[in-house]
Amino acid sequence: MEPNWSVVLIVIGASISLIVFLIWRNQKDKKALMEKLIDEDELSVPKTHETEDDT
């Protein structure tokens, strides 16, 4: 029994497309998460004004 090469190629193409999409989406979500964490960190940390009284 020989494999149906058109079906094999379609499955391989769909698998590669899915992997590329998942990697792309993960990078996009990672960037959005990092921006959100940075924004939250800036809001939660009170800004202190450092003075140079030590000189």
Protein backbone atom coordinates (compact mmCIF):
# COMPACT_ATOMS: atom_id res chain seq x y z
CA MET A 1 0.00 0.00 0.00
CA GLU A 2 1.55 3.27 -1.12
CA PRO A 3 0.98 6.50 0.73
CA ASN A 4 -1.13 9.14 -0.93
CA TRP A 5 1.52 11.85 -1.37
CA SER A 6 -0.93 14.69 -1.86
CA VAL A 7 -2.53 13.97 1.52
CA VAL A 8 0.89 13.63 3.17
CA LEU A 9 2.02 16.99 1.70
CA ILE A 10 -1.19 18.70 2.82
CA VAL A 11 -0.80 17.36 6.37
CA ILE A 12 2.88 18.39 6.51
CA GLY A 13 2.04 21.86 5.14
CA ALA A 14 -0.78 22.32 7.64
CA SER A 15 1.48 21.17 10.49
CA ILE A 16 4.25 23.60 9.54
CA SER A 17 1.71 26.41 9.16
CA LEU A 18 0.29 25.67 12.60
CA ILE A 19 3.73 25.65 14.21
CA VAL A 20 4.67 28.97 12.57
CA PHE A 21 1.36 30.52 13.64
CA LEU A 22 1.79 29.35 17.24
CA ILE A 23 5.33 30.72 17.44
CA TRP A 24 4.20 34.05 15.96
CA ARG A 25 1.25 34.30 18.34
CA ASN A 26 3.43 33.40 21.34
CA GLN A 27 5.89 36.19 20.50
CA LYS A 28 3.04 38.67 20.11
CA ASP A 29 1.50 37.65 23.45
CA LYS A 30 4.91 37.79 25.14
CA LYS A 31 5.45 41.34 23.93
CA ALA A 32 1.99 42.42 25.11
CA LEU A 33 2.55 40.80 28.51
CA MET A 34 5.92 42.49 28.97
CA GLU A 35 4.42 45.89 28.12
CA LYS A 36 1.57 45.29 30.57
CA LEU A 37 3.94 44.26 33.35
CA ILE A 38 6.15 47.29 32.76
CA ASP A 39 3.12 49.61 32.85
CA GLU A 40 1.84 48.03 36.07
CA ASP A 41 5.28 48.26 37.63
CA GLU A 42 5.50 51.97 36.82
CA LEU A 43 2.10 52.57 38.39
CA SER A 44 2.74 50.59 41.56
CA VAL A 45 6.20 51.95 42.39
CA PRO A 46 6.05 55.41 43.90
CA LYS A 47 8.42 57.83 42.28
CA THR A 48 11.04 59.10 44.68
CA HIS A 49 13.02 62.22 44.12
CA GLU A 50 16.60 61.63 45.01
CA THR A 51 18.54 64.60 46.23
CA GLU A 52 22.25 65.05 46.41
CA ASP A 53 22.54 65.91 50.11
CA ASP A 54 25.47 63.55 50.58
CA THR A 55 28.04 65.92 49.06
